[in-house]
Amino acid sequence: MEQSHVSALQLKHAGLERRIADEMSRPLPDLEALQLLKKQKLRIKDEIKLP
């Protein structure tokens, strides 16, 4: 996989981590939104690990 593609995926992954942290810091986090963000983050993580 191209290094630039991996770098782009890593940036997306980091952005999702920030969005998850922001949502969790709210007094009443949107659990549905959190679930969606976590699924997206996992998909990107899996894509980064592909050979």
PDB file of N, CA and C in Angstrom:
ATOM      1  N   MET A   1       0.844  -1.172   0.000  1.00  0.00           N
ATOM      2  CA  MET A   1       0.000   0.000   0.000  1.00  0.00           C
ATOM      3  C   MET A   1       0.898   1.246   0.000  1.00  0.00           C
ATOM      4  N   GLU A   2       0.513   2.248  -0.755  1.00  0.00           N
ATOM      5  CA  GLU A   2       1.306   3.467  -0.836  1.00  0.00           C
ATOM      6  C   GLU A   2       1.392   4.156   0.510  1.00  0.00           C
ATOM      7  N   GLN A   3       2.555   4.721   0.798  1.00  0.00           N
ATOM      8  CA  GLN A   3       2.754   5.396   2.077  1.00  0.00           C
ATOM      9  C   GLN A   3       1.814   6.592   2.216  1.00  0.00           C
ATOM     10  N   SER A   4       1.566   7.312   1.119  1.00  0.00           N
ATOM     11  CA  SER A   4       0.680   8.472   1.206  1.00  0.00           C
ATOM     12  C   SER A   4      -0.743   8.043   1.557  1.00  0.00           C
ATOM     13  N   HIS A   5      -1.160   6.888   1.040  1.00  0.00           N
ATOM     14  CA  HIS A   5      -2.497   6.377   1.354  1.00  0.00           C
ATOM     15  C   HIS A   5      -2.573   5.995   2.829  1.00  0.00           C
ATOM     16  N   VAL A   6      -1.537   5.342   3.324  1.00  0.00           N
ATOM     17  CA  VAL A   6      -1.483   4.951   4.739  1.00  0.00           C
ATOM     18  C   VAL A   6      -1.500   6.206   5.618  1.00  0.00           C
ATOM     19  N   SER A   7      -0.751   7.224   5.214  1.00  0.00           N
ATOM     20  CA  SER A   7      -0.719   8.470   5.987  1.00  0.00           C
ATOM     21  C   SER A   7      -2.097   9.117   6.030  1.00  0.00           C
ATOM     22  N   ALA A   8      -2.801   9.108   4.909  1.00  0.00           N
ATOM     23  CA  ALA A   8      -4.143   9.680   4.855  1.00  0.00           C
ATOM     24  C   ALA A   8      -5.088   8.903   5.770  1.00  0.00           C
ATOM     25  N   LEU A   9      -4.966   7.584   5.769  1.00  0.00           N
ATOM     26  CA  LEU A   9      -5.805   6.760   6.638  1.00  0.00           C
ATOM     27  C   LEU A   9      -5.496   7.035   8.112  1.00  0.00           C
ATOM     28  N   GLN A  10      -4.224   7.215   8.424  1.00  0.00           N
ATOM     29  CA  GLN A  10      -3.836   7.492   9.805  1.00  0.00           C
ATOM     30  C   GLN A  10      -4.390   8.837  10.268  1.00  0.00           C
ATOM     31  N   LEU A  11      -4.420   9.820   9.368  1.00  0.00           N
ATOM     32  CA  LEU A  11      -4.998  11.118   9.712  1.00  0.00           C
ATOM     33  C   LEU A  11      -6.494  10.999   9.959  1.00  0.00           C
ATOM     34  N   LYS A  12      -7.182  10.218   9.125  1.00  0.00           N
ATOM     35  CA  LYS A  12      -8.617  10.007   9.319  1.00  0.00           C
ATOM     36  C   LYS A  12      -8.866   9.305  10.652  1.00  0.00           C
ATOM     37  N   HIS A  13      -8.042   8.314  10.954  1.00  0.00           N
ATOM     38  CA  HIS A  13      -8.155   7.554  12.205  1.00  0.00           C
ATOM     39  C   HIS A  13      -7.992   8.497  13.397  1.00  0.00           C
ATOM     40  N   ALA A  14      -7.000   9.364  13.350  1.00  0.00           N
ATOM     41  CA  ALA A  14      -6.759  10.313  14.439  1.00  0.00           C
ATOM     42  C   ALA A  14      -7.930  11.289  14.576  1.00  0.00           C
ATOM     43  N   GLY A  15      -8.471  11.716  13.448  1.00  0.00           N
ATOM     44  CA  GLY A  15      -9.621  12.616  13.489  1.00  0.00           C
ATOM     45  C   GLY A  15     -10.830  11.960  14.127  1.00  0.00           C
ATOM     46  N   LEU A  16     -11.034  10.695  13.811  1.00  0.00           N
ATOM     47  CA  LEU A  16     -12.151   9.963  14.414  1.00  0.00           C
ATOM     48  C   LEU A  16     -11.942   9.796  15.916  1.00  0.00           C
ATOM     49  N   GLU A  17     -10.700   9.564  16.324  1.00  0.00           N
ATOM     50  CA  GLU A  17     -10.404   9.452  17.759  1.00  0.00           C
ATOM     51  C   GLU A  17     -10.773  10.744  18.477  1.00  0.00           C
ATOM     52  N   ARG A  18     -10.433  11.891  17.871  1.00  0.00           N
ATOM     53  CA  ARG A  18     -10.771  13.187  18.478  1.00  0.00           C
ATOM     54  C   ARG A  18     -12.279  13.374  18.550  1.00  0.00           C
ATOM     55  N   ARG A  19     -12.978  13.007  17.482  1.00  0.00           N
ATOM     56  CA  ARG A  19     -14.439  13.164  17.477  1.00  0.00           C
ATOM     57  C   ARG A  19     -15.092  12.274  18.527  1.00  0.00           C
ATOM     58  N   ILE A  20     -14.559  11.065  18.702  1.00  0.00           N
ATOM     59  CA  ILE A  20     -15.075  10.152  19.730  1.00  0.00           C
ATOM     60  C   ILE A  20     -14.829  10.752  21.118  1.00  0.00           C
ATOM     61  N   ALA A  21     -13.630  11.260  21.348  1.00  0.00           N
ATOM     62  CA  ALA A  21     -13.303  11.857  22.647  1.00  0.00           C
ATOM     63  C   ALA A  21     -14.192  13.072  22.910  1.00  0.00           C
ATOM     64  N   ASP A  22     -14.410  13.888  21.894  1.00  0.00           N
ATOM     65  CA  ASP A  22     -15.281  15.063  22.059  1.00  0.00           C
ATOM     66  C   ASP A  22     -16.698  14.640  22.425  1.00  0.00           C
ATOM     67  N   GLU A  23     -17.205  13.642  21.724  1.00  0.00           N
ATOM     68  CA  GLU A  23     -18.575  13.182  21.982  1.00  0.00           C
ATOM     69  C   GLU A  23     -18.691  12.592  23.390  1.00  0.00           C
ATOM     70  N   MET A  24     -17.679  11.839  23.807  1.00  0.00           N
ATOM     71  CA  MET A  24     -17.726  11.207  25.124  1.00  0.00           C
ATOM     72  C   MET A  24     -17.601  12.230  26.251  1.00  0.00           C
ATOM     73  N   SER A  25     -17.026  13.387  25.967  1.00  0.00           N
ATOM     74  CA  SER A  25     -16.860  14.401  27.007  1.00  0.00           C
ATOM     75  C   SER A  25     -18.130  15.227  27.214  1.00  0.00           C
ATOM     76  N   ARG A  26     -19.103  15.073  26.334  1.00  0.00           N
ATOM     77  CA  ARG A  26     -20.364  15.792  26.492  1.00  0.00           C
ATOM     78  C   ARG A  26     -21.135  15.218  27.680  1.00  0.00           C
ATOM     79  N   PRO A  27     -21.977  16.053  28.315  1.00  0.00           N
ATOM     80  CA  PRO A  27     -22.772  15.547  29.444  1.00  0.00           C
ATOM     81  C   PRO A  27     -23.674  14.364  29.068  1.00  0.00           C
ATOM     82  N   LEU A  28     -24.293  14.424  27.894  1.00  0.00           N
ATOM     83  CA  LEU A  28     -25.130  13.323  27.414  1.00  0.00           C
ATOM     84  C   LEU A  28     -24.670  12.929  26.012  1.00  0.00           C
ATOM     85  N   PRO A  29     -23.672  12.050  25.928  1.00  0.00           N
ATOM     86  CA  PRO A  29     -23.157  11.658  24.618  1.00  0.00           C
ATOM     87  C   PRO A  29     -24.221  10.954  23.777  1.00  0.00           C
ATOM     88  N   ASP A  30     -24.155  11.176  22.475  1.00  0.00           N
ATOM     89  CA  ASP A  30     -25.054  10.514  21.528  1.00  0.00           C
ATOM     90  C   ASP A  30     -24.484   9.119  21.266  1.00  0.00           C
ATOM     91  N   LEU A  31     -25.097   8.111  21.869  1.00  0.00           N
ATOM     92  CA  LEU A  31     -24.562   6.748  21.784  1.00  0.00           C
ATOM     93  C   LEU A  31     -24.596   6.210  20.359  1.00  0.00           C
ATOM     94  N   GLU A  32     -25.603   6.588  19.602  1.00  0.00           N
ATOM     95  CA  GLU A  32     -25.689   6.136  18.212  1.00  0.00           C
ATOM     96  C   GLU A  32     -24.546   6.737  17.386  1.00  0.00           C
ATOM     97  N   ALA A  33     -24.268   8.007  17.604  1.00  0.00           N
ATOM     98  CA  ALA A  33     -23.164   8.661  16.899  1.00  0.00           C
ATOM     99  C   ALA A  33     -21.829   8.032  17.299  1.00  0.00           C
ATOM    100  N   LEU A  34     -21.671   7.744  18.595  1.00  0.00           N
ATOM    101  CA  LEU A  34     -20.436   7.104  19.060  1.00  0.00           C
ATOM    102  C   LEU A  34     -20.234   5.749  18.399  1.00  0.00           C
ATOM    103  N   GLN A  35     -21.301   4.970  18.312  1.00  0.00           N
ATOM    104  CA  GLN A  35     -21.207   3.651  17.693  1.00  0.00           C
ATOM    105  C   GLN A  35     -20.772   3.768  16.228  1.00  0.00           C
ATOM    106  N   LEU A  36     -21.342   4.725  15.516  1.00  0.00           N
ATOM    107  CA  LEU A  36     -20.995   4.933  14.114  1.00  0.00           C
ATOM    108  C   LEU A  36     -19.533   5.354  13.967  1.00  0.00           C
ATOM    109  N   LEU A  37     -19.091   6.286  14.812  1.00  0.00           N
ATOM    110  CA  LEU A  37     -17.709   6.744  14.761  1.00  0.00           C
ATOM    111  C   LEU A  37     -16.733   5.605  15.063  1.00  0.00           C
ATOM    112  N   LYS A  38     -17.063   4.788  16.039  1.00  0.00           N
ATOM    113  CA  LYS A  38     -16.182   3.668  16.407  1.00  0.00           C
ATOM    114  C   LYS A  38     -16.104   2.634  15.290  1.00  0.00           C
ATOM    115  N   LYS A  39     -17.217   2.396  14.599  1.00  0.00           N
ATOM    116  CA  LYS A  39     -17.203   1.457  13.470  1.00  0.00           C
ATOM    117  C   LYS A  39     -16.336   1.991  12.336  1.00  0.00           C
ATOM    118  N   GLN A  40     -16.449   3.290  12.069  1.00  0.00           N
ATOM    119  CA  GLN A  40     -15.623   3.903  11.021  1.00  0.00           C
ATOM    120  C   GLN A  40     -14.145   3.795  11.381  1.00  0.00           C
ATOM    121  N   LYS A  41     -13.837   4.067  12.634  1.00  0.00           N
ATOM    122  CA  LYS A  41     -12.451   3.998  13.108  1.00  0.00           C
ATOM    123  C   LYS A  41     -11.895   2.585  12.956  1.00  0.00           C
ATOM    124  N   LEU A  42     -12.705   1.585  13.287  1.00  0.00           N
ATOM    125  CA  LEU A  42     -12.274   0.196  13.172  1.00  0.00           C
ATOM    126  C   LEU A  42     -12.033  -0.191  11.713  1.00  0.00           C
ATOM    127  N   ARG A  43     -12.914   0.253  10.813  1.00  0.00           N
ATOM    128  CA  ARG A  43     -12.723  -0.045   9.391  1.00  0.00           C
ATOM    129  C   ARG A  43     -11.417   0.531   8.879  1.00  0.00           C
ATOM    130  N   ILE A  44     -11.114   1.749   9.281  1.00  0.00           N
ATOM    131  CA  ILE A  44      -9.862   2.383   8.846  1.00  0.00           C
ATOM    132  C   ILE A  44      -8.670   1.642   9.435  1.00  0.00           C
ATOM    133  N   LYS A  45      -8.761   1.267  10.698  1.00  0.00           N
ATOM    134  CA  LYS A  45      -7.664   0.522  11.340  1.00  0.00           C
ATOM    135  C   LYS A  45      -7.407  -0.785  10.601  1.00  0.00           C
ATOM    136  N   ASP A  46      -8.489  -1.500  10.228  1.00  0.00           N
ATOM    137  CA  ASP A  46      -8.344  -2.740   9.484  1.00  0.00           C
ATOM    138  C   ASP A  46      -7.711  -2.504   8.123  1.00  0.00           C
ATOM    139  N   GLU A  47      -8.071  -1.409   7.475  1.00  0.00           N
ATOM    140  CA  GLU A  47      -7.511  -1.113   6.157  1.00  0.00           C
ATOM    141  C   GLU A  47      -6.024  -0.773   6.264  1.00  0.00           C
ATOM    142  N   ILE A  48      -5.640  -0.103   7.327  1.00  0.00           N
ATOM    143  CA  ILE A  48      -4.219   0.232   7.522  1.00  0.00           C
ATOM    144  C   ILE A  48      -3.396  -1.040   7.700  1.00  0.00           C
ATOM    145  N   LYS A  49      -3.966  -2.038   8.382  1.00  0.00           N
ATOM    146  CA  LYS A  49      -3.225  -3.263   8.678  1.00  0.00           C
ATOM    147  C   LYS A  49      -3.168  -4.254   7.521  1.00  0.00           C
ATOM    148  N   LEU A  50      -3.918  -4.007   6.449  1.00  0.00           N
ATOM    149  CA  LEU A  50      -3.898  -4.942   5.323  1.00  0.00           C
ATOM    150  C   LEU A  50      -2.504  -5.025   4.719  1.00  0.00           C
ATOM    151  N   PRO A  51      -2.081  -6.222   4.298  1.00  0.00           N
ATOM    152  CA  PRO A  51      -0.736  -6.373   3.735  1.00  0.00           C
ATOM    153  C   PRO A  51      -0.568  -5.669   2.417  1.00  0.00           C
TER     154      PRO A  51
END
